Each structure stands twice: as C-alpha cells, then as structure tokens.
C-alpha cells in the first residue's frame, strides 16, 4: 500500500513540522514496531490524559481507545534507561502522552477552530484567546505521531501513592510559564525541571523549549513516517 502524504495536520506544542513526513499504512501497533512502554519500563507511572476527559479538549480524543503509552521500541528502551536513573534518586517517570495517532492530531485542530467550545479555558488557556492556540501551541504536524515524542513529569512514590514534583505549571498549560527556562520560576520548580531535563538528555531525549514536559528521542527511528494506528 502506498504511503499517504501528511499535510496540514496540527500539533499540540509542536516543533516545526518535518517536511516530507508520510503516513504509514500500518493498522496495528506491532506493524509499526510500537510497543506498550509499561512492558519495557519497570515502574513507569501513567496518566494518559487524552484517553479520558481530563484534558484541554474536555473529552476522549480520537484514536485513544485505551490509556496506554505506545512508543517505538528503541525509544521505549531509552526511556527505560532514564527510569533507572531517576529511580536511583527515589523518583519515577510519569507519562501523560506518548505516541499520538494522526486522527488525534486532526481532532485537536478541529477543537481549536471551534470558538463556541470554551469549557476548558480557565484550566488550560486562561490568558489566551482560543484562536491564538493555532499560533505556536497547536500546529500543523506532530512529532508524537512518529512514535518518538512523549510528554512526562517526575513523581515521588511512597507506599503506593505517587506525588508529582512541582514544575510550576500543570501539563498542557498554554502559557509562557510552561516554557522550560521561564525566568520567573521558583527555585524548587527550576530544580525539578532541570532534573527532568538532565535525566532525559543523558539518554538521547531533547526538550521542546516551549513545554517543560515535551521530549523527543534523537535520532528519531523513523523521522519521515507518521502513524495512525489506534491505541488499543
């Protein structure tokens, strides 16, 4: 089956869209070499926001049929090495989003173009008009769809309960305060962001500076291929 050109597809918190990216005809995770990260990363914590209603869309997102973190196999193995590092410091990784189907990216842009739906403004974009989310926050192509980008934080677990470290903003907060090196962070918030940044960087993950939670493994295993496999 021929690959389909990927064009005009939005991205939440995107880096610049990659030219020449195509959509794979794969219909199952195994066909795309996507693996469930919890099977590779011992102790990985998950809160896959787009599989439920606790997200900026306010509803489950297209393609998220299960709350799973799928990643390309080499990326999952690299994440396991990060987890080993932070576990030595009494912490764990917690993922909010990993691989993102192309259909989910389309869902985001449709939501952003609907000015009548303002249900989540107070929680996610209190200082922005919704129309401005398409200018730098929700863009045309998502690295998440290539299986090498993920959104995550650090947590400290005690007796089965895990508490997120204070990063200064919640996940998916559309505001300059979410910039990784924002100058008005408190000391603890800056240390926590730096700790995540350094742990990820040691194993090949690069941060997107507009979002403290957003990391891409490099070199990407399939930089010219996006996937639209549903998460099941």
Protein backbone atom coordinates (compact mmCIF):
# COMPACT_ATOMS: atom_id res chain seq x y z
CA UNK A 1 0.00 0.00 0.00
CA UNK A 2 1.38 3.43 -0.87
CA UNK A 3 2.17 5.90 1.89
CA UNK A 4 -0.20 8.86 2.19
CA UNK A 5 1.23 12.36 2.27
CA UNK A 6 0.92 14.04 5.66
CA UNK A 7 -0.19 17.62 5.15
CA UNK A 8 -1.94 20.32 7.15
CA UNK A 9 -2.07 18.21 10.30
CA UNK A 10 -1.97 20.11 13.59
CA UNK A 11 0.29 19.51 16.54
CA UNK A 12 -0.14 20.33 20.18
CA UNK A 13 3.00 22.06 21.36
CA UNK A 14 4.83 21.20 18.20
CA UNK A 15 8.27 21.80 16.98
CA UNK A 16 8.40 22.83 13.34
CA UNK A 17 6.67 20.30 11.14
CA UNK A 18 9.00 17.91 9.40
CA UNK A 19 8.92 18.23 5.61
CA UNK A 20 8.21 15.09 3.64
CA UNK A 21 6.64 13.14 6.51
CA UNK A 22 4.28 10.42 5.27
CA UNK A 23 1.60 8.35 6.98
CA UNK A 24 2.33 4.64 7.28
CA UNK A 25 -0.34 2.18 6.12
CA UNK A 26 0.17 0.18 9.33
CA UNK A 27 -3.12 -0.64 11.07
CA UNK A 28 -1.81 -2.39 14.19
CA UNK A 29 0.81 -1.34 16.73
CA UNK A 30 3.01 -4.36 16.01
CA UNK A 31 3.13 -3.49 12.31
CA UNK A 32 4.59 -0.09 13.26
CA UNK A 33 7.03 -1.51 15.88
CA UNK A 34 5.07 0.38 18.56
CA UNK A 35 5.29 -1.25 21.99
CA UNK A 36 3.48 -0.66 25.26
CA UNK A 37 6.04 1.23 27.33
CA UNK A 38 4.95 -0.31 30.64
CA UNK A 39 6.18 -3.67 29.37
CA UNK A 40 9.67 -2.19 28.84
CA UNK A 41 9.98 0.47 31.57
CA UNK A 42 9.65 -1.05 35.07
CA UNK A 43 7.65 1.10 37.45
CA UNK A 44 6.56 3.63 34.84
CA UNK A 45 3.61 5.71 36.07
CA UNK A 46 0.87 6.68 33.60
CA UNK A 47 -1.95 9.19 33.34
CA UNK A 48 -2.83 9.14 29.66
CA UNK A 49 -4.90 12.30 29.55
CA UNK A 50 -6.32 12.05 26.04
CA UNK A 51 -7.94 8.68 26.74
CA UNK A 52 -10.34 10.41 29.16
CA UNK A 53 -11.98 13.78 29.78
CA UNK A 54 -9.24 15.39 31.89
CA UNK A 55 -7.59 17.29 29.04
CA UNK A 56 -7.86 20.60 27.17
CA UNK A 57 -10.45 19.18 24.73
CA UNK A 58 -12.61 18.10 27.66
CA UNK A 59 -13.40 14.71 26.08
CA UNK A 60 -11.68 11.49 24.99
CA UNK A 61 -9.61 12.15 21.86
CA UNK A 62 -9.98 10.25 18.60
CA UNK A 63 -7.66 7.24 18.40
CA UNK A 64 -7.22 6.83 22.17
CA UNK A 65 -9.22 3.65 22.71
CA UNK A 66 -7.10 2.66 25.72
CA UNK A 67 -4.95 4.57 28.25
CA UNK A 68 -1.61 3.26 27.00
CA UNK A 69 1.79 4.77 26.31
CA UNK A 70 2.95 3.38 22.97
CA UNK A 71 6.43 4.18 21.68
CA UNK A 72 8.72 2.83 19.01
CA UNK A 73 10.75 0.02 20.56
CA UNK A 74 14.15 1.82 20.58
CA UNK A 75 12.54 4.84 22.23
CA UNK A 76 10.93 2.71 24.92
CA UNK A 77 14.30 1.08 25.66
CA UNK A 78 15.93 4.51 26.01
CA UNK A 79 13.14 5.59 28.35
CA UNK A 80 13.84 2.52 30.49
CA UNK A 81 17.39 3.80 30.97
CA UNK A 82 16.05 7.18 32.09
CA UNK A 83 13.75 5.42 34.55
CA UNK A 84 16.68 3.51 36.02
CA UNK A 85 18.50 6.81 36.59
CA UNK A 86 15.63 8.59 38.33
CA UNK A 87 14.74 5.54 40.41
CA UNK A 88 18.22 5.75 41.96
CA UNK A 89 17.16 9.21 43.14
CA UNK A 90 13.94 7.90 44.70
CA UNK A 91 11.76 9.10 41.81
CA UNK A 92 9.82 7.72 38.86
CA UNK A 93 8.76 8.93 35.45
CA UNK A 94 5.08 9.60 34.83
CA UNK A 95 3.83 9.88 31.26
CA UNK A 96 0.84 11.92 30.10
CA UNK A 97 1.09 11.19 26.38
CA UNK A 98 3.33 9.17 24.07
CA UNK A 99 2.57 8.07 20.52
CA UNK A 100 -0.37 10.08 19.17
CA UNK A 101 -2.38 8.87 16.15
CA UNK A 102 -2.74 11.27 13.22
CA UNK A 103 -6.51 11.22 13.74
CA UNK A 104 -5.97 12.62 17.24
CA UNK A 105 -3.94 15.48 15.83
CA UNK A 106 -6.86 16.28 13.48
CA UNK A 107 -9.20 16.22 16.49
CA UNK A 108 -7.08 18.87 18.22
CA UNK A 109 -7.22 21.29 15.31
CA UNK A 110 -10.97 20.84 14.87
CA UNK A 111 -11.41 21.70 18.54
CA UNK A 112 -9.14 24.73 18.26
CA UNK A 113 -11.22 26.05 15.35
CA UNK A 114 -14.46 25.85 17.34
CA UNK A 115 -14.78 29.21 19.15
CA UNK A 116 -18.03 28.17 20.83
CA UNK A 117 -16.36 25.48 22.95
CA UNK A 118 -14.68 27.34 25.83
CA UNK A 119 -15.26 24.74 28.57
CA UNK A 120 -11.59 24.27 29.42
CA UNK A 121 -10.35 27.85 29.09
CA UNK A 122 -9.90 28.51 32.82
CA UNK A 123 -7.78 25.40 33.33
CA UNK A 124 -5.68 25.34 30.15
CA UNK A 125 -5.50 28.73 28.41
CA UNK A 126 -6.78 31.41 30.83
CA UNK A 127 -4.60 34.16 29.37
CA UNK A 128 -5.10 33.45 25.66
CA UNK A 129 -7.92 33.77 23.16
CA UNK A 130 -8.69 30.32 21.84
CA UNK A 131 -7.95 31.38 18.26
CA UNK A 132 -4.33 32.07 19.26
CA UNK A 133 -3.75 28.44 20.18
CA UNK A 134 -3.21 27.76 16.48
CA UNK A 135 -0.30 30.19 16.58
CA UNK A 136 2.50 28.21 18.22
CA UNK A 137 0.60 25.89 20.54
CA UNK A 138 -1.42 23.71 18.16
CA UNK A 139 0.46 23.47 14.87
CA UNK A 140 0.47 21.53 11.64
CA UNK A 141 2.37 18.30 12.37
CA UNK A 142 3.06 16.29 15.49
CA UNK A 143 6.28 14.51 16.35
CA UNK A 144 4.14 12.39 18.68
CA UNK A 145 2.69 10.71 15.60
CA UNK A 146 6.17 9.45 14.69
CA UNK A 147 6.39 7.43 17.92
CA UNK A 148 9.49 9.10 19.36
CA UNK A 149 7.99 12.02 21.32
CA UNK A 150 6.37 11.93 24.73
CA UNK A 151 5.05 14.19 27.48
CA UNK A 152 6.03 13.39 31.05
CA UNK A 153 7.00 14.55 34.51
CA UNK A 154 8.71 13.25 37.65
CA UNK A 155 6.92 11.80 40.65
CA UNK A 156 7.95 10.68 44.12
CA UNK A 157 6.22 7.48 45.22
CA UNK A 158 5.70 6.38 48.82
CA UNK A 159 3.62 3.43 49.94
CA UNK A 160 1.96 3.09 46.56
CA UNK A 161 0.98 6.76 46.32
CA UNK A 162 2.85 8.98 43.87
CA UNK A 163 3.05 12.78 44.00
CA UNK A 164 4.13 14.90 41.06
CA UNK A 165 7.09 17.20 41.60
CA UNK A 166 6.26 20.91 41.39
CA UNK A 167 7.09 22.02 37.85
CA UNK A 168 5.48 25.44 38.08
CA UNK A 169 2.53 24.74 35.76
CA UNK A 170 0.29 21.78 35.05
CA UNK A 171 0.76 19.64 31.95
CA UNK A 172 -0.70 21.18 28.76
CA UNK A 173 -0.91 24.68 30.23
CA UNK A 174 -0.87 27.07 27.25
CA UNK A 175 1.15 29.92 28.68
CA UNK A 176 4.74 31.25 28.62
CA UNK A 177 5.15 29.96 32.19
CA UNK A 178 5.29 26.47 30.68
CA UNK A 179 8.47 27.39 28.79
CA UNK A 180 11.19 25.15 30.21
CA UNK A 181 13.53 28.02 31.14
CA UNK A 182 10.89 30.59 32.11
CA UNK A 183 12.66 33.26 34.23
CA UNK A 184 10.00 33.56 36.92
CA UNK A 185 10.14 30.04 38.27
CA UNK A 186 10.71 29.38 41.93
CA UNK A 187 13.96 27.71 42.95
CA UNK A 188 12.33 24.33 43.57
CA UNK A 189 10.42 24.46 40.29
CA UNK A 190 13.61 25.27 38.38
CA UNK A 191 15.50 22.42 40.08
CA UNK A 192 12.73 19.96 39.27
CA UNK A 193 12.60 20.96 35.61
CA UNK A 194 16.40 20.78 35.40
CA UNK A 195 16.40 17.35 37.00
CA UNK A 196 13.97 16.04 34.38
CA UNK A 197 15.87 17.80 31.59
CA UNK A 198 19.23 16.33 32.58
CA UNK A 199 17.89 12.80 33.13
CA UNK A 200 16.25 12.77 29.72
CA UNK A 201 19.21 14.35 27.93
CA UNK A 202 21.62 11.71 29.24
CA UNK A 203 19.75 9.11 27.20
CA UNK A 204 19.10 10.99 23.97
CA UNK A 205 15.87 12.89 24.67
CA UNK A 206 15.70 16.55 23.62
CA UNK A 207 13.31 19.04 25.17
CA UNK A 208 10.97 21.35 23.24
CA UNK A 209 11.69 24.71 24.98
CA UNK A 210 8.07 25.93 24.93
CA UNK A 211 6.93 22.99 27.07
CA UNK A 212 8.81 21.61 30.06
CA UNK A 213 7.09 18.20 29.65
CA UNK A 214 7.78 17.63 25.93
CA UNK A 215 10.72 15.42 24.81
CA UNK A 216 11.79 13.77 21.56
CA UNK A 217 14.29 10.94 21.24
CA UNK A 218 17.06 11.64 18.70
CA UNK A 219 17.97 10.46 16.23
CA UNK A 220 14.35 9.52 15.61
CA UNK A 221 13.99 5.92 14.42
CA UNK A 222 11.52 6.90 11.68
CA UNK A 223 11.72 10.69 11.18
CA UNK A 224 9.81 10.65 7.88
CA UNK A 225 6.98 8.34 8.96
CA UNK A 226 3.89 9.16 10.97
CA UNK A 227 1.37 6.57 12.15
CA UNK A 228 -2.40 6.49 12.50
CA UNK A 229 -2.67 3.21 14.42
CA UNK A 230 -5.38 3.47 17.10
CA UNK A 231 -4.20 2.99 20.68
CA UNK A 232 -5.85 -0.19 21.93
